[in-house]
Amino acid sequence: MSIKLKVGDQVKVLTGKYKGQEGKVLQVLPKIDQVVVEGVNIVKTHQKPSQTNPNGGVQEKTMPIAVSKVAFVTKSGKTSRLGYKIKADGAKVRVAIQDGRKEV
């Protein structure tokens, strides 16, 4: 399955603890079908003291979530699935399915 989302896209979380929240896609991980969304799925990790970080401590880290749990948000604010359309000049563009196949 190919992921049609790209870095910088605005998405809305559909299920889970962060349901309803929106954020930008920071990273796409196609091999494991997951995306990293800004401000979503934040966990705390404990760091041991090391030479680079002598104090150690607790840090917050954004973890990836399944791409099936997010939906693309169009410019009009609606959620939509994405598809592709080939123009007459041969250019391939992404389109929002629910917005009547408008270009994204």
N, C-alpha and C. Protein backbone atom coordinates (compact mmCIF):
# COMPACT_ATOMS: atom_id res chain seq x y z
N MET A 1 0.84 -1.19 0.00
CA MET A 1 0.00 0.00 0.00
C MET A 1 0.88 1.24 0.00
N SER A 2 0.58 2.18 -0.85
CA SER A 2 1.37 3.41 -0.90
C SER A 2 0.70 4.48 -0.04
N ILE A 3 1.53 5.27 0.60
CA ILE A 3 1.02 6.36 1.43
C ILE A 3 0.96 7.62 0.57
N LYS A 4 -0.20 8.22 0.47
CA LYS A 4 -0.38 9.40 -0.37
C LYS A 4 -0.14 10.70 0.39
N LEU A 5 0.04 10.61 1.70
CA LEU A 5 0.34 11.80 2.49
C LEU A 5 1.79 12.21 2.30
N LYS A 6 2.04 13.50 2.42
CA LYS A 6 3.39 14.03 2.29
C LYS A 6 3.71 14.89 3.51
N VAL A 7 5.00 15.13 3.72
CA VAL A 7 5.44 15.98 4.82
C VAL A 7 4.84 17.38 4.62
N GLY A 8 4.26 17.93 5.68
CA GLY A 8 3.66 19.26 5.60
C GLY A 8 2.16 19.24 5.43
N ASP A 9 1.57 18.08 5.11
CA ASP A 9 0.12 17.98 4.96
C ASP A 9 -0.56 18.14 6.31
N GLN A 10 -1.73 18.75 6.32
CA GLN A 10 -2.54 18.89 7.53
C GLN A 10 -3.43 17.66 7.63
N VAL A 11 -3.41 16.97 8.78
CA VAL A 11 -4.21 15.77 8.97
C VAL A 11 -5.00 15.86 10.27
N LYS A 12 -6.05 15.04 10.36
CA LYS A 12 -6.88 14.97 11.56
C LYS A 12 -6.86 13.53 12.05
N VAL A 13 -6.70 13.34 13.37
CA VAL A 13 -6.67 12.00 13.95
C VAL A 13 -8.10 11.51 14.10
N LEU A 14 -8.36 10.28 13.63
CA LEU A 14 -9.71 9.73 13.61
C LEU A 14 -10.04 8.86 14.82
N THR A 15 -9.03 8.17 15.39
CA THR A 15 -9.29 7.26 16.50
C THR A 15 -8.22 7.39 17.57
N GLY A 16 -8.53 6.86 18.74
CA GLY A 16 -7.54 6.79 19.81
C GLY A 16 -7.58 7.97 20.77
N LYS A 17 -6.55 8.05 21.58
CA LYS A 17 -6.45 9.05 22.64
C LYS A 17 -6.47 10.48 22.09
N TYR A 18 -5.92 10.68 20.91
CA TYR A 18 -5.81 12.02 20.33
C TYR A 18 -6.89 12.29 19.28
N LYS A 19 -8.00 11.58 19.34
CA LYS A 19 -9.08 11.72 18.37
C LYS A 19 -9.55 13.16 18.27
N GLY A 20 -9.66 13.66 17.03
CA GLY A 20 -10.15 15.01 16.79
C GLY A 20 -9.06 16.05 16.66
N GLN A 21 -7.85 15.73 17.10
CA GLN A 21 -6.76 16.70 17.02
C GLN A 21 -6.22 16.78 15.60
N GLU A 22 -5.78 17.97 15.23
CA GLU A 22 -5.18 18.19 13.92
C GLU A 22 -3.72 18.58 14.08
N GLY A 23 -2.94 18.26 13.06
CA GLY A 23 -1.53 18.62 13.09
C GLY A 23 -0.88 18.38 11.75
N LYS A 24 0.34 18.87 11.60
CA LYS A 24 1.10 18.70 10.37
C LYS A 24 1.85 17.37 10.40
N VAL A 25 2.00 16.77 9.24
CA VAL A 25 2.81 15.57 9.11
C VAL A 25 4.28 15.98 9.12
N LEU A 26 5.03 15.46 10.09
CA LEU A 26 6.45 15.79 10.21
C LEU A 26 7.33 14.78 9.48
N GLN A 27 6.87 13.53 9.43
CA GLN A 27 7.66 12.47 8.82
C GLN A 27 6.72 11.37 8.32
N VAL A 28 7.05 10.78 7.18
CA VAL A 28 6.29 9.67 6.63
C VAL A 28 7.19 8.44 6.64
N LEU A 29 6.68 7.34 7.19
CA LEU A 29 7.43 6.09 7.28
C LEU A 29 6.71 5.02 6.45
N PRO A 30 6.95 4.96 5.13
CA PRO A 30 6.17 4.06 4.27
C PRO A 30 6.43 2.58 4.50
N LYS A 31 7.60 2.21 4.98
CA LYS A 31 7.90 0.79 5.20
C LYS A 31 7.04 0.18 6.29
N ILE A 32 6.64 0.98 7.27
CA ILE A 32 5.81 0.47 8.36
C ILE A 32 4.42 1.10 8.36
N ASP A 33 4.05 1.80 7.29
CA ASP A 33 2.73 2.43 7.13
C ASP A 33 2.35 3.32 8.31
N GLN A 34 3.28 4.20 8.70
CA GLN A 34 3.02 5.10 9.80
C GLN A 34 3.48 6.51 9.45
N VAL A 35 2.93 7.49 10.18
CA VAL A 35 3.32 8.89 10.02
C VAL A 35 3.54 9.50 11.39
N VAL A 36 4.41 10.52 11.44
CA VAL A 36 4.64 11.27 12.67
C VAL A 36 3.89 12.60 12.51
N VAL A 37 2.98 12.87 13.44
CA VAL A 37 2.14 14.07 13.37
C VAL A 37 2.51 14.99 14.53
N GLU A 38 2.66 16.27 14.22
CA GLU A 38 3.04 17.27 15.21
C GLU A 38 2.02 17.35 16.35
N GLY A 39 2.49 17.18 17.60
CA GLY A 39 1.63 17.31 18.76
C GLY A 39 0.75 16.11 19.06
N VAL A 40 0.96 14.99 18.37
CA VAL A 40 0.14 13.81 18.56
C VAL A 40 1.03 12.63 18.94
N ASN A 41 0.55 11.79 19.87
CA ASN A 41 1.25 10.59 20.33
C ASN A 41 2.60 10.93 20.95
N ILE A 42 2.58 11.83 21.92
CA ILE A 42 3.79 12.26 22.61
C ILE A 42 4.02 11.34 23.81
N VAL A 43 5.23 10.80 23.93
CA VAL A 43 5.59 9.94 25.04
C VAL A 43 6.79 10.53 25.77
N LYS A 44 6.99 10.11 27.01
CA LYS A 44 8.15 10.58 27.77
C LYS A 44 9.18 9.47 27.80
N THR A 45 10.42 9.80 27.47
CA THR A 45 11.51 8.84 27.51
C THR A 45 12.50 9.28 28.57
N HIS A 46 13.06 8.31 29.26
CA HIS A 46 14.04 8.58 30.32
C HIS A 46 15.44 8.40 29.75
N GLN A 47 16.27 9.43 29.87
CA GLN A 47 17.63 9.40 29.36
C GLN A 47 18.61 9.23 30.50
N LYS A 48 19.53 8.29 30.33
CA LYS A 48 20.62 8.13 31.29
C LYS A 48 21.63 9.25 31.08
N PRO A 49 22.33 9.65 32.11
CA PRO A 49 23.40 10.63 31.90
C PRO A 49 24.49 10.05 30.99
N SER A 50 24.99 10.88 30.08
CA SER A 50 26.05 10.45 29.17
C SER A 50 26.99 11.64 28.96
N GLN A 51 28.01 11.44 28.12
CA GLN A 51 28.95 12.53 27.88
C GLN A 51 28.28 13.69 27.15
N THR A 52 27.38 13.39 26.24
CA THR A 52 26.70 14.46 25.50
C THR A 52 25.61 15.12 26.32
N ASN A 53 24.97 14.35 27.23
CA ASN A 53 23.91 14.88 28.08
C ASN A 53 24.23 14.49 29.53
N PRO A 54 25.07 15.28 30.23
CA PRO A 54 25.53 14.87 31.56
C PRO A 54 24.44 14.80 32.63
N ASN A 55 23.33 15.51 32.43
CA ASN A 55 22.27 15.51 33.44
C ASN A 55 21.27 14.37 33.26
N GLY A 56 21.10 13.89 32.02
CA GLY A 56 20.06 12.89 31.76
C GLY A 56 18.70 13.53 31.92
N GLY A 57 17.72 12.75 32.39
CA GLY A 57 16.40 13.31 32.67
C GLY A 57 15.32 12.74 31.78
N VAL A 58 14.14 13.34 31.87
CA VAL A 58 12.97 12.90 31.11
C VAL A 58 12.76 13.85 29.94
N GLN A 59 12.61 13.27 28.74
CA GLN A 59 12.37 14.08 27.54
C GLN A 59 11.09 13.63 26.86
N GLU A 60 10.41 14.57 26.21
CA GLU A 60 9.21 14.23 25.45
C GLU A 60 9.59 13.96 24.01
N LYS A 61 8.96 12.94 23.42
CA LYS A 61 9.28 12.53 22.06
C LYS A 61 7.98 12.23 21.33
N THR A 62 7.88 12.66 20.07
CA THR A 62 6.70 12.38 19.26
C THR A 62 6.91 11.05 18.54
N MET A 63 5.99 10.12 18.74
CA MET A 63 6.08 8.79 18.15
C MET A 63 5.13 8.67 16.96
N PRO A 64 5.43 7.76 16.03
CA PRO A 64 4.57 7.60 14.86
C PRO A 64 3.24 6.92 15.19
N ILE A 65 2.23 7.18 14.37
CA ILE A 65 0.94 6.49 14.48
C ILE A 65 0.59 5.92 13.11
N ALA A 66 -0.32 4.96 13.09
CA ALA A 66 -0.71 4.30 11.85
C ALA A 66 -1.37 5.29 10.90
N VAL A 67 -1.05 5.18 9.63
CA VAL A 67 -1.60 6.09 8.63
C VAL A 67 -3.11 5.89 8.48
N SER A 68 -3.62 4.72 8.85
CA SER A 68 -5.06 4.46 8.77
C SER A 68 -5.84 5.22 9.84
N LYS A 69 -5.16 5.77 10.84
CA LYS A 69 -5.82 6.50 11.91
C LYS A 69 -5.90 8.00 11.65
N VAL A 70 -5.38 8.46 10.51
CA VAL A 70 -5.42 9.89 10.19
C VAL A 70 -6.10 10.10 8.85
N ALA A 71 -6.67 11.29 8.68
CA ALA A 71 -7.31 11.67 7.43
C ALA A 71 -6.79 13.03 7.00
N PHE A 72 -6.59 13.19 5.71
CA PHE A 72 -6.13 14.45 5.14
C PHE A 72 -7.19 15.51 5.31
N VAL A 73 -6.78 16.74 5.66
CA VAL A 73 -7.71 17.86 5.82
C VAL A 73 -7.52 18.80 4.63
N THR A 74 -8.62 19.06 3.91
CA THR A 74 -8.55 19.92 2.73
C THR A 74 -8.52 21.39 3.15
N LYS A 75 -8.33 22.27 2.19
CA LYS A 75 -8.28 23.70 2.47
C LYS A 75 -9.61 24.22 3.00
N SER A 76 -10.71 23.53 2.65
CA SER A 76 -12.03 23.95 3.13
C SER A 76 -12.30 23.44 4.55
N GLY A 77 -11.38 22.63 5.12
CA GLY A 77 -11.53 22.16 6.49
C GLY A 77 -12.17 20.79 6.61
N LYS A 78 -12.53 20.16 5.50
CA LYS A 78 -13.15 18.84 5.53
C LYS A 78 -12.07 17.76 5.44
N THR A 79 -12.38 16.58 5.99
CA THR A 79 -11.46 15.46 5.84
C THR A 79 -11.78 14.75 4.52
N SER A 80 -10.75 14.18 3.92
CA SER A 80 -10.92 13.56 2.62
C SER A 80 -9.88 12.48 2.40
N ARG A 81 -10.21 11.53 1.54
CA ARG A 81 -9.21 10.59 1.07
C ARG A 81 -8.49 11.22 -0.10
N LEU A 82 -7.33 10.70 -0.43
CA LEU A 82 -6.55 11.24 -1.53
C LEU A 82 -6.45 10.24 -2.66
N GLY A 83 -6.36 10.76 -3.86
CA GLY A 83 -6.15 9.93 -5.04
C GLY A 83 -5.24 10.67 -6.00
N TYR A 84 -5.04 10.07 -7.15
CA TYR A 84 -4.21 10.69 -8.17
C TYR A 84 -5.01 10.86 -9.45
N LYS A 85 -4.64 11.87 -10.21
CA LYS A 85 -5.29 12.15 -11.48
C LYS A 85 -4.19 12.55 -12.46
N ILE A 86 -4.30 12.06 -13.68
CA ILE A 86 -3.31 12.41 -14.70
C ILE A 86 -3.93 13.46 -15.61
N LYS A 87 -3.26 14.60 -15.69
CA LYS A 87 -3.76 15.70 -16.52
C LYS A 87 -3.54 15.40 -17.99
N ALA A 88 -4.09 16.25 -18.84
CA ALA A 88 -3.95 16.09 -20.28
C ALA A 88 -2.50 16.21 -20.74
N ASP A 89 -1.71 17.02 -20.02
CA ASP A 89 -0.31 17.19 -20.41
C ASP A 89 0.58 16.08 -19.83
N GLY A 90 -0.02 15.10 -19.13
CA GLY A 90 0.73 13.97 -18.61
C GLY A 90 1.21 14.13 -17.18
N ALA A 91 0.94 15.27 -16.55
CA ALA A 91 1.37 15.51 -15.17
C ALA A 91 0.44 14.76 -14.21
N LYS A 92 1.04 14.14 -13.19
CA LYS A 92 0.29 13.40 -12.18
C LYS A 92 0.12 14.29 -10.96
N VAL A 93 -1.13 14.52 -10.54
CA VAL A 93 -1.41 15.40 -9.40
C VAL A 93 -2.27 14.67 -8.37
N ARG A 94 -2.11 15.07 -7.10
CA ARG A 94 -2.96 14.52 -6.04
C ARG A 94 -4.28 15.26 -6.04
N VAL A 95 -5.37 14.52 -5.78
CA VAL A 95 -6.69 15.13 -5.72
C VAL A 95 -7.41 14.64 -4.47
N ALA A 96 -8.28 15.49 -3.93
CA ALA A 96 -9.12 15.14 -2.79
C ALA A 96 -10.40 14.51 -3.31
N ILE A 97 -10.68 13.27 -2.93
CA ILE A 97 -11.82 12.53 -3.45
C ILE A 97 -13.15 13.16 -3.03
N GLN A 98 -13.31 13.49 -1.73
CA GLN A 98 -14.58 14.01 -1.23
C GLN A 98 -14.88 15.43 -1.71
N ASP A 99 -13.88 16.16 -2.15
CA ASP A 99 -14.12 17.52 -2.64
C ASP A 99 -14.35 17.54 -4.15
N GLY A 100 -14.84 16.45 -4.69
CA GLY A 100 -15.12 16.41 -6.12
C GLY A 100 -13.87 16.37 -6.96
N ARG A 101 -12.85 15.68 -6.46
CA ARG A 101 -11.58 15.51 -7.16
C ARG A 101 -10.88 16.82 -7.48
N LYS A 102 -10.85 17.72 -6.50
CA LYS A 102 -10.12 18.97 -6.65
C LYS A 102 -8.65 18.74 -6.32
N GLU A 103 -7.79 19.47 -7.00
CA GLU A 103 -6.35 19.35 -6.76
C GLU A 103 -5.99 19.81 -5.37
N VAL A 104 -5.00 19.14 -4.79
CA VAL A 104 -4.55 19.47 -3.44
C VAL A 104 -3.32 20.34 -3.54
